Amino acid sequence: MKLKTPFQGEVVQSVQGRDEGRFYVVVRAENAFVWVADGKKRTLANPKRKNLRHVRLYEMAAADIGVKMPFDASFDVTVAYGLKNLAKKLINQVQSEE
């Protein structure tokens, strides 16, 4: 099964593991793994390695949540803020559909 390789700066959601349901930004992608950061627990200096099968890719770039490329010193703050707003937005969409 061929998996789509995400690009640096793409937004993903964890679907396996203790962090299931959390949103991340891809910091680096190689072969069948991606390194992701959320700005809080997983910073740019300490990204989490995830199997590509254990993340859901979103058609959304980091720029869509306010993160500038290339990643700079403000990465952790802007990613944490942007992902928090994204999660709220998706929760509100689900609630309005019900």
PDB file of N, CA and C in Angstrom:
ATOM      1  N   MET A   1       0.845  -1.175   0.000  1.00  0.00           N
ATOM      2  CA  MET A   1       0.000   0.000   0.000  1.00  0.00           C
ATOM      3  C   MET A   1       0.888   1.234   0.000  1.00  0.00           C
ATOM      4  N   LYS A   2       0.697   2.090  -0.958  1.00  0.00           N
ATOM      5  CA  LYS A   2       1.484   3.312  -1.081  1.00  0.00           C
ATOM      6  C   LYS A   2       0.851   4.404  -0.232  1.00  0.00           C
ATOM      7  N   LEU A   3       1.641   4.985   0.664  1.00  0.00           N
ATOM      8  CA  LEU A   3       1.165   6.057   1.523  1.00  0.00           C
ATOM      9  C   LEU A   3       1.605   7.395   0.954  1.00  0.00           C
ATOM     10  N   LYS A   4       0.720   8.378   1.046  1.00  0.00           N
ATOM     11  CA  LYS A   4       1.064   9.722   0.598  1.00  0.00           C
ATOM     12  C   LYS A   4       2.061  10.310   1.586  1.00  0.00           C
ATOM     13  N   THR A   5       3.139  10.850   1.073  1.00  0.00           N
ATOM     14  CA  THR A   5       4.143  11.468   1.935  1.00  0.00           C
ATOM     15  C   THR A   5       3.750  12.922   2.167  1.00  0.00           C
ATOM     16  N   PRO A   6       3.581  13.315   3.424  1.00  0.00           N
ATOM     17  CA  PRO A   6       3.223  14.703   3.713  1.00  0.00           C
ATOM     18  C   PRO A   6       4.418  15.623   3.481  1.00  0.00           C
ATOM     19  N   PHE A   7       4.135  16.887   3.273  1.00  0.00           N
ATOM     20  CA  PHE A   7       5.199  17.859   3.083  1.00  0.00           C
ATOM     21  C   PHE A   7       5.470  18.588   4.397  1.00  0.00           C
ATOM     22  N   GLN A   8       6.626  19.211   4.490  1.00  0.00           N
ATOM     23  CA  GLN A   8       6.981  19.958   5.685  1.00  0.00           C
ATOM     24  C   GLN A   8       5.996  21.106   5.855  1.00  0.00           C
ATOM     25  N   GLY A   9       5.422  21.198   7.036  1.00  0.00           N
ATOM     26  CA  GLY A   9       4.463  22.249   7.312  1.00  0.00           C
ATOM     27  C   GLY A   9       3.016  21.827   7.168  1.00  0.00           C
ATOM     28  N   GLU A  10       2.763  20.588   6.807  1.00  0.00           N
ATOM     29  CA  GLU A  10       1.384  20.108   6.672  1.00  0.00           C
ATOM     30  C   GLU A  10       0.802  19.780   8.043  1.00  0.00           C
ATOM     31  N   VAL A  11      -0.487  19.992   8.208  1.00  0.00           N
ATOM     32  CA  VAL A  11      -1.175  19.689   9.455  1.00  0.00           C
ATOM     33  C   VAL A  11      -1.644  18.241   9.416  1.00  0.00           C
ATOM     34  N   VAL A  12      -1.376  17.510  10.501  1.00  0.00           N
ATOM     35  CA  VAL A  12      -1.788  16.105  10.612  1.00  0.00           C
ATOM     36  C   VAL A  12      -2.451  15.893  11.967  1.00  0.00           C
ATOM     37  N   GLN A  13      -3.203  14.797  12.062  1.00  0.00           N
ATOM     38  CA  GLN A  13      -3.828  14.415  13.322  1.00  0.00           C
ATOM     39  C   GLN A  13      -3.407  12.993  13.649  1.00  0.00           C
ATOM     40  N   SER A  14      -3.036  12.758  14.889  1.00  0.00           N
ATOM     41  CA  SER A  14      -2.634  11.430  15.334  1.00  0.00           C
ATOM     42  C   SER A  14      -3.875  10.542  15.447  1.00  0.00           C
ATOM     43  N   VAL A  15      -3.783   9.311  14.920  1.00  0.00           N
ATOM     44  CA  VAL A  15      -4.903   8.377  14.999  1.00  0.00           C
ATOM     45  C   VAL A  15      -4.542   7.131  15.797  1.00  0.00           C
ATOM     46  N   GLN A  16      -3.305   7.026  16.261  1.00  0.00           N
ATOM     47  CA  GLN A  16      -2.854   5.886  17.050  1.00  0.00           C
ATOM     48  C   GLN A  16      -1.943   6.379  18.161  1.00  0.00           C
ATOM     49  N   GLY A  17      -1.964   5.672  19.267  1.00  0.00           N
ATOM     50  CA  GLY A  17      -1.052   5.971  20.366  1.00  0.00           C
ATOM     51  C   GLY A  17      -1.712   6.785  21.464  1.00  0.00           C
ATOM     52  N   ARG A  18      -0.913   7.131  22.462  1.00  0.00           N
ATOM     53  CA  ARG A  18      -1.414   7.914  23.588  1.00  0.00           C
ATOM     54  C   ARG A  18      -1.902   9.290  23.186  1.00  0.00           C
ATOM     55  N   ASP A  19      -1.339   9.804  22.132  1.00  0.00           N
ATOM     56  CA  ASP A  19      -1.681  11.149  21.679  1.00  0.00           C
ATOM     57  C   ASP A  19      -2.798  11.154  20.632  1.00  0.00           C
ATOM     58  N   GLU A  20      -3.570  10.094  20.558  1.00  0.00           N
ATOM     59  CA  GLU A  20      -4.650   9.968  19.573  1.00  0.00           C
ATOM     60  C   GLU A  20      -5.583  11.182  19.633  1.00  0.00           C
ATOM     61  N   GLY A  21      -5.841  11.769  18.460  1.00  0.00           N
ATOM     62  CA  GLY A  21      -6.737  12.913  18.364  1.00  0.00           C
ATOM     63  C   GLY A  21      -6.032  14.255  18.374  1.00  0.00           C
ATOM     64  N   ARG A  22      -4.756  14.292  18.744  1.00  0.00           N
ATOM     65  CA  ARG A  22      -4.016  15.563  18.794  1.00  0.00           C
ATOM     66  C   ARG A  22      -3.583  15.994  17.401  1.00  0.00           C
ATOM     67  N   PHE A  23      -3.545  17.291  17.201  1.00  0.00           N
ATOM     68  CA  PHE A  23      -3.106  17.866  15.934  1.00  0.00           C
ATOM     69  C   PHE A  23      -1.635  18.248  16.032  1.00  0.00           C
ATOM     70  N   TYR A  24      -0.917  18.101  14.926  1.00  0.00           N
ATOM     71  CA  TYR A  24       0.504  18.422  14.843  1.00  0.00           C
ATOM     72  C   TYR A  24       0.802  19.090  13.511  1.00  0.00           C
ATOM     73  N   VAL A  25       1.992  19.677  13.432  1.00  0.00           N
ATOM     74  CA  VAL A  25       2.530  20.183  12.176  1.00  0.00           C
ATOM     75  C   VAL A  25       3.756  19.336  11.851  1.00  0.00           C
ATOM     76  N   VAL A  26       3.869  18.913  10.598  1.00  0.00           N
ATOM     77  CA  VAL A  26       4.998  18.084  10.178  1.00  0.00           C
ATOM     78  C   VAL A  26       6.251  18.962  10.104  1.00  0.00           C
ATOM     79  N   VAL A  27       7.277  18.527  10.825  1.00  0.00           N
ATOM     80  CA  VAL A  27       8.556  19.238  10.835  1.00  0.00           C
ATOM     81  C   VAL A  27       9.498  18.636   9.799  1.00  0.00           C
ATOM     82  N   ARG A  28       9.434  17.311   9.654  1.00  0.00           N
ATOM     83  CA  ARG A  28      10.297  16.611   8.708  1.00  0.00           C
ATOM     84  C   ARG A  28       9.609  15.312   8.307  1.00  0.00           C
ATOM     85  N   ALA A  29       9.817  14.878   7.084  1.00  0.00           N
ATOM     86  CA  ALA A  29       9.237  13.620   6.605  1.00  0.00           C
ATOM     87  C   ALA A  29      10.309  12.824   5.877  1.00  0.00           C
ATOM     88  N   GLU A  30      10.419  11.550   6.241  1.00  0.00           N
ATOM     89  CA  GLU A  30      11.375  10.648   5.596  1.00  0.00           C
ATOM     90  C   GLU A  30      10.765   9.261   5.521  1.00  0.00           C
ATOM     91  N   ASN A  31      10.802   8.668   4.351  1.00  0.00           N
ATOM     92  CA  ASN A  31      10.316   7.304   4.133  1.00  0.00           C
ATOM     93  C   ASN A  31       8.944   7.092   4.757  1.00  0.00           C
ATOM     94  N   ALA A  32       8.843   6.216   5.747  1.00  0.00           N
ATOM     95  CA  ALA A  32       7.552   5.882   6.334  1.00  0.00           C
ATOM     96  C   ALA A  32       7.319   6.592   7.664  1.00  0.00           C
ATOM     97  N   PHE A  33       8.105   7.613   7.964  1.00  0.00           N
ATOM     98  CA  PHE A  33       7.986   8.316   9.236  1.00  0.00           C
ATOM     99  C   PHE A  33       7.894   9.822   9.037  1.00  0.00           C
ATOM    100  N   VAL A  34       7.234  10.472   9.977  1.00  0.00           N
ATOM    101  CA  VAL A  34       7.200  11.932  10.014  1.00  0.00           C
ATOM    102  C   VAL A  34       7.583  12.376  11.426  1.00  0.00           C
ATOM    103  N   TRP A  35       8.203  13.519  11.515  1.00  0.00           N
ATOM    104  CA  TRP A  35       8.504  14.126  12.802  1.00  0.00           C
ATOM    105  C   TRP A  35       7.557  15.296  12.953  1.00  0.00           C
ATOM    106  N   VAL A  36       6.815  15.302  14.051  1.00  0.00           N
ATOM    107  CA  VAL A  36       5.757  16.293  14.231  1.00  0.00           C
ATOM    108  C   VAL A  36       5.957  17.076  15.523  1.00  0.00           C
ATOM    109  N   ALA A  37       5.421  18.294  15.541  1.00  0.00           N
ATOM    110  CA  ALA A  37       5.498  19.153  16.719  1.00  0.00           C
ATOM    111  C   ALA A  37       4.158  19.849  16.901  1.00  0.00           C
ATOM    112  N   ASP A  38       3.814  20.119  18.171  1.00  0.00           N
ATOM    113  CA  ASP A  38       2.566  20.826  18.455  1.00  0.00           C
ATOM    114  C   ASP A  38       2.787  22.143  19.186  1.00  0.00           C
ATOM    115  N   GLY A  39       4.036  22.452  19.505  1.00  0.00           N
ATOM    116  CA  GLY A  39       4.339  23.729  20.143  1.00  0.00           C
ATOM    117  C   GLY A  39       4.225  23.707  21.653  1.00  0.00           C
ATOM    118  N   LYS A  40       3.609  22.699  22.212  1.00  0.00           N
ATOM    119  CA  LYS A  40       3.466  22.593  23.672  1.00  0.00           C
ATOM    120  C   LYS A  40       4.346  21.462  24.181  1.00  0.00           C
ATOM    121  N   LYS A  41       3.806  20.259  24.161  1.00  0.00           N
ATOM    122  CA  LYS A  41       4.558  19.106  24.651  1.00  0.00           C
ATOM    123  C   LYS A  41       5.681  18.739  23.690  1.00  0.00           C
ATOM    124  N   ARG A  42       5.400  18.816  22.418  1.00  0.00           N
ATOM    125  CA  ARG A  42       6.389  18.504  21.385  1.00  0.00           C
ATOM    126  C   ARG A  42       6.774  19.787  20.673  1.00  0.00           C
ATOM    127  N   THR A  43       7.966  20.278  20.986  1.00  0.00           N
ATOM    128  CA  THR A  43       8.435  21.538  20.412  1.00  0.00           C
ATOM    129  C   THR A  43       9.264  21.272  19.162  1.00  0.00           C
ATOM    130  N   LEU A  44       9.663  22.341  18.502  1.00  0.00           N
ATOM    131  CA  LEU A  44      10.495  22.216  17.312  1.00  0.00           C
ATOM    132  C   LEU A  44      11.837  21.577  17.661  1.00  0.00           C
ATOM    133  N   ALA A  45      12.343  21.840  18.855  1.00  0.00           N
ATOM    134  CA  ALA A  45      13.615  21.269  19.292  1.00  0.00           C
ATOM    135  C   ALA A  45      13.488  19.790  19.666  1.00  0.00           C
ATOM    136  N   ASN A  46      12.270  19.320  19.966  1.00  0.00           N
ATOM    137  CA  ASN A  46      12.047  17.945  20.398  1.00  0.00           C
ATOM    138  C   ASN A  46      10.798  17.369  19.731  1.00  0.00           C
ATOM    139  N   PRO A  47      10.829  17.170  18.404  1.00  0.00           N
ATOM    140  CA  PRO A  47       9.632  16.651  17.723  1.00  0.00           C
ATOM    141  C   PRO A  47       9.422  15.169  17.997  1.00  0.00           C
ATOM    142  N   LYS A  48       8.193  14.718  17.769  1.00  0.00           N
ATOM    143  CA  LYS A  48       7.821  13.312  17.974  1.00  0.00           C
ATOM    144  C   LYS A  48       7.880  12.588  16.635  1.00  0.00           C
ATOM    145  N   ARG A  49       8.465  11.402  16.644  1.00  0.00           N
ATOM    146  CA  ARG A  49       8.511  10.583  15.436  1.00  0.00           C
ATOM    147  C   ARG A  49       7.253   9.723  15.396  1.00  0.00           C
ATOM    148  N   LYS A  50       6.529   9.791  14.292  1.00  0.00           N
ATOM    149  CA  LYS A  50       5.293   9.017  14.121  1.00  0.00           C
ATOM    150  C   LYS A  50       5.382   8.223  12.823  1.00  0.00           C
ATOM    151  N   ASN A  51       4.839   7.017  12.860  1.00  0.00           N
ATOM    152  CA  ASN A  51       4.699   6.213  11.662  1.00  0.00           C
ATOM    153  C   ASN A  51       3.663   6.892  10.771  1.00  0.00           C
ATOM    154  N   LEU A  52       3.903   6.914   9.501  1.00  0.00           N
ATOM    155  CA  LEU A  52       2.991   7.571   8.560  1.00  0.00           C
ATOM    156  C   LEU A  52       1.598   6.946   8.590  1.00  0.00           C
ATOM    157  N   ARG A  53       1.500   5.676   8.934  1.00  0.00           N
ATOM    158  CA  ARG A  53       0.200   5.016   9.027  1.00  0.00           C
ATOM    159  C   ARG A  53      -0.595   5.465  10.245  1.00  0.00           C
ATOM    160  N   HIS A  54       0.060   6.115  11.176  1.00  0.00           N
ATOM    161  CA  HIS A  54      -0.585   6.510  12.424  1.00  0.00           C
ATOM    162  C   HIS A  54      -1.004   7.970  12.460  1.00  0.00           C
ATOM    163  N   VAL A  55      -0.999   8.628  11.310  1.00  0.00           N
ATOM    164  CA  VAL A  55      -1.456  10.016  11.236  1.00  0.00           C
ATOM    165  C   VAL A  55      -2.455  10.178  10.100  1.00  0.00           C
ATOM    166  N   ARG A  56      -3.384  11.099  10.288  1.00  0.00           N
ATOM    167  CA  ARG A  56      -4.352  11.456   9.253  1.00  0.00           C
ATOM    168  C   ARG A  56      -3.896  12.788   8.661  1.00  0.00           C
ATOM    169  N   LEU A  57      -3.737  12.810   7.348  1.00  0.00           N
ATOM    170  CA  LEU A  57      -3.287  14.022   6.673  1.00  0.00           C
ATOM    171  C   LEU A  57      -4.466  14.942   6.401  1.00  0.00           C
ATOM    172  N   TYR A  58      -4.261  16.220   6.619  1.00  0.00           N
ATOM    173  CA  TYR A  58      -5.266  17.227   6.305  1.00  0.00           C
ATOM    174  C   TYR A  58      -4.760  18.046   5.132  1.00  0.00           C
ATOM    175  N   GLU A  59      -5.650  18.474   4.291  1.00  0.00           N
ATOM    176  CA  GLU A  59      -5.278  19.309   3.151  1.00  0.00           C
ATOM    177  C   GLU A  59      -5.109  20.744   3.638  1.00  0.00           C
ATOM    178  N   MET A  60      -4.177  20.925   4.564  1.00  0.00           N
ATOM    179  CA  MET A  60      -3.988  22.221   5.187  1.00  0.00           C
ATOM    180  C   MET A  60      -2.504  22.396   5.488  1.00  0.00           C
ATOM    181  N   ALA A  61      -1.999  23.558   5.177  1.00  0.00           N
ATOM    182  CA  ALA A  61      -0.595  23.854   5.456  1.00  0.00           C
ATOM    183  C   ALA A  61      -0.482  24.662   6.741  1.00  0.00           C
ATOM    184  N   ALA A  62       0.726  24.732   7.262  1.00  0.00           N
ATOM    185  CA  ALA A  62       0.972  25.501   8.484  1.00  0.00           C
ATOM    186  C   ALA A  62       0.639  26.973   8.271  1.00  0.00           C
ATOM    187  N   ALA A  63       0.794  27.459   7.071  1.00  0.00           N
ATOM    188  CA  ALA A  63       0.473  28.867   6.778  1.00  0.00           C
ATOM    189  C   ALA A  63      -1.006  29.151   7.000  1.00  0.00           C
ATOM    190  N   ASP A  64      -1.855  28.134   6.836  1.00  0.00           N
ATOM    191  CA  ASP A  64      -3.291  28.298   7.054  1.00  0.00           C
ATOM    192  C   ASP A  64      -3.648  28.525   8.516  1.00  0.00           C
ATOM    193  N   ILE A  65      -2.753  28.136   9.428  1.00  0.00           N
ATOM    194  CA  ILE A  65      -3.008  28.357  10.850  1.00  0.00           C
ATOM    195  C   ILE A  65      -2.092  29.437  11.421  1.00  0.00           C
ATOM    196  N   GLY A  66      -1.364  30.138  10.556  1.00  0.00           N
ATOM    197  CA  GLY A  66      -0.570  31.285  10.982  1.00  0.00           C
ATOM    198  C   GLY A  66       0.901  31.038  11.217  1.00  0.00           C
ATOM    199  N   VAL A  67       1.414  29.895  10.817  1.00  0.00           N
ATOM    200  CA  VAL A  67       2.834  29.585  11.012  1.00  0.00           C
ATOM    201  C   VAL A  67       3.607  29.945   9.756  1.00  0.00           C
ATOM    202  N   LYS A  68       4.679  30.701   9.929  1.00  0.00           N
ATOM    203  CA  LYS A  68       5.488  31.138   8.793  1.00  0.00           C
ATOM    204  C   LYS A  68       6.540  30.094   8.454  1.00  0.00           C
ATOM    205  N   MET A  69       6.807  29.968   7.162  1.00  0.00           N
ATOM    206  CA  MET A  69       7.860  29.086   6.683  1.00  0.00           C
ATOM    207  C   MET A  69       8.999  29.964   6.200  1.00  0.00           C
ATOM    208  N   PRO A  70      10.243  29.629   6.341  1.00  0.00           N
ATOM    209  CA  PRO A  70      10.738  28.499   7.101  1.00  0.00           C
ATOM    210  C   PRO A  70      10.510  28.710   8.597  1.00  0.00           C
ATOM    211  N   PHE A  71      10.554  27.630   9.338  1.00  0.00           N
ATOM    212  CA  PHE A  71      10.278  27.700  10.770  1.00  0.00           C
ATOM    213  C   PHE A  71      11.314  28.562  11.472  1.00  0.00           C
ATOM    214  N   ASP A  72      10.853  29.412  12.368  1.00  0.00           N
ATOM    215  CA  ASP A  72      11.742  30.311  13.089  1.00  0.00           C
ATOM    216  C   ASP A  72      11.538  30.177  14.591  1.00  0.00           C
ATOM    217  N   ALA A  73      12.065  31.119  15.355  1.00  0.00           N
ATOM    218  CA  ALA A  73      12.014  31.058  16.813  1.00  0.00           C
ATOM    219  C   ALA A  73      10.590  31.137  17.358  1.00  0.00           C
ATOM    220  N   SER A  74       9.680  31.753  16.633  1.00  0.00           N
ATOM    221  CA  SER A  74       8.299  31.888  17.106  1.00  0.00           C
ATOM    222  C   SER A  74       7.439  30.663  16.756  1.00  0.00           C
ATOM    223  N   PHE A  75       8.042  29.618  16.228  1.00  0.00           N
ATOM    224  CA  PHE A  75       7.313  28.433  15.780  1.00  0.00           C
ATOM    225  C   PHE A  75       6.422  27.849  16.870  1.00  0.00           C
ATOM    226  N   ASP A  76       6.984  27.579  18.037  1.00  0.00           N
ATOM    227  CA  ASP A  76       6.237  26.891  19.090  1.00  0.00           C
ATOM    228  C   ASP A  76       5.009  27.678  19.534  1.00  0.00           C
ATOM    229  N   VAL A  77       5.153  28.974  19.687  1.00  0.00           N
ATOM    230  CA  VAL A  77       4.029  29.806  20.135  1.00  0.00           C
ATOM    231  C   VAL A  77       2.939  29.859  19.074  1.00  0.00           C
ATOM    232  N   THR A  78       3.319  30.093  17.828  1.00  0.00           N
ATOM    233  CA  THR A  78       2.313  30.222  16.769  1.00  0.00           C
ATOM    234  C   THR A  78       1.645  28.887  16.451  1.00  0.00           C
ATOM    235  N   VAL A  79       2.391  27.791  16.521  1.00  0.00           N
ATOM    236  CA  VAL A  79       1.798  26.475  16.265  1.00  0.00           C
ATOM    237  C   VAL A  79       0.807  26.118  17.362  1.00  0.00           C
ATOM    238  N   ALA A  80       1.181  26.331  18.601  1.00  0.00           N
ATOM    239  CA  ALA A  80       0.277  26.011  19.713  1.00  0.00           C
ATOM    240  C   ALA A  80      -1.014  26.801  19.582  1.00  0.00           C
ATOM    241  N   TYR A  81      -0.922  28.075  19.281  1.00  0.00           N
ATOM    242  CA  TYR A  81      -2.096  28.932  19.128  1.00  0.00           C
ATOM    243  C   TYR A  81      -2.937  28.508  17.914  1.00  0.00           C
ATOM    244  N   GLY A  82      -2.277  28.281  16.794  1.00  0.00           N
ATOM    245  CA  GLY A  82      -2.993  27.901  15.571  1.00  0.00           C
ATOM    246  C   GLY A  82      -3.693  26.561  15.679  1.00  0.00           C
ATOM    247  N   LEU A  83      -3.036  25.568  16.275  1.00  0.00           N
ATOM    248  CA  LEU A  83      -3.644  24.243  16.420  1.00  0.00           C
ATOM    249  C   LEU A  83      -4.793  24.265  17.416  1.00  0.00           C
ATOM    250  N   LYS A  84      -4.677  25.090  18.444  1.00  0.00           N
ATOM    251  CA  LYS A  84      -5.772  25.230  19.414  1.00  0.00           C
ATOM    252  C   LYS A  84      -7.016  25.795  18.728  1.00  0.00           C
ATOM    253  N   ASN A  85      -6.834  26.818  17.910  1.00  0.00           N
ATOM    254  CA  ASN A  85      -7.958  27.407  17.177  1.00  0.00           C
ATOM    255  C   ASN A  85      -8.532  26.433  16.154  1.00  0.00           C
ATOM    256  N   LEU A  86      -7.672  25.661  15.501  1.00  0.00           N
ATOM    257  CA  LEU A  86      -8.127  24.666  14.525  1.00  0.00           C
ATOM    258  C   LEU A  86      -8.993  23.619  15.204  1.00  0.00           C
ATOM    259  N   ALA A  87      -8.561  23.126  16.355  1.00  0.00           N
ATOM    260  CA  ALA A  87      -9.329  22.108  17.087  1.00  0.00           C
ATOM    261  C   ALA A  87     -10.696  22.658  17.490  1.00  0.00           C
ATOM    262  N   LYS A  88     -10.733  23.896  17.970  1.00  0.00           N
ATOM    263  CA  LYS A  88     -12.016  24.512  18.340  1.00  0.00           C
ATOM    264  C   LYS A  88     -12.933  24.633  17.132  1.00  0.00           C
ATOM    265  N   LYS A  89     -12.361  25.042  16.008  1.00  0.00           N
ATOM    266  CA  LYS A  89     -13.139  25.218  14.780  1.00  0.00           C
ATOM    267  C   LYS A  89     -13.742  23.885  14.327  1.00  0.00           C
ATOM    268  N   LEU A  90     -12.951  22.818  14.362  1.00  0.00           N
ATOM    269  CA  LEU A  90     -13.449  21.504  13.946  1.00  0.00           C
ATOM    270  C   LEU A  90     -14.498  20.972  14.906  1.00  0.00           C
ATOM    271  N   ILE A  91     -14.343  21.211  16.200  1.00  0.00           N
ATOM    272  CA  ILE A  91     -15.345  20.791  17.178  1.00  0.00           C
ATOM    273  C   ILE A  91     -16.654  21.525  16.951  1.00  0.00           C
ATOM    274  N   ASN A  92     -16.571  22.813  16.668  1.00  0.00           N
ATOM    275  CA  ASN A  92     -17.792  23.599  16.404  1.00  0.00           C
ATOM    276  C   ASN A  92     -18.492  23.126  15.145  1.00  0.00           C
ATOM    277  N   GLN A  93     -17.720  22.732  14.120  1.00  0.00           N
ATOM    278  CA  GLN A  93     -18.325  22.213  12.890  1.00  0.00           C
ATOM    279  C   GLN A  93     -19.083  20.928  13.164  1.00  0.00           C
ATOM    280  N   VAL A  94     -18.507  20.052  13.950  1.00  0.00           N
ATOM    281  CA  VAL A  94     -19.143  18.778  14.267  1.00  0.00           C
ATOM    282  C   VAL A  94     -20.422  19.009  15.059  1.00  0.00           C
ATOM    283  N   GLN A  95     -20.371  19.920  16.023  1.00  0.00           N
ATOM    284  CA  GLN A  95     -21.543  20.200  16.841  1.00  0.00           C
ATOM    285  C   GLN A  95     -22.661  20.846  16.028  1.00  0.00           C
ATOM    286  N   SER A  96     -22.315  21.698  15.080  1.00  0.00           N
ATOM    287  CA  SER A  96     -23.347  22.349  14.278  1.00  0.00           C
ATOM    288  C   SER A  96     -23.995  21.383  13.283  1.00  0.00           C
ATOM    289  N   GLU A  97     -23.269  20.331  12.892  1.00  0.00           N
ATOM    290  CA  GLU A  97     -23.825  19.344  11.971  1.00  0.00           C
ATOM    291  C   GLU A  97     -24.807  18.411  12.674  1.00  0.00           C
ATOM    292  N   GLU A  98     -24.684  18.277  13.992  1.00  0.00           N
ATOM    293  CA  GLU A  98     -25.554  17.354  14.732  1.00  0.00           C
ATOM    294  C   GLU A  98     -26.889  17.926  14.981  1.00  0.00           C
TER     295      GLU A  98
END
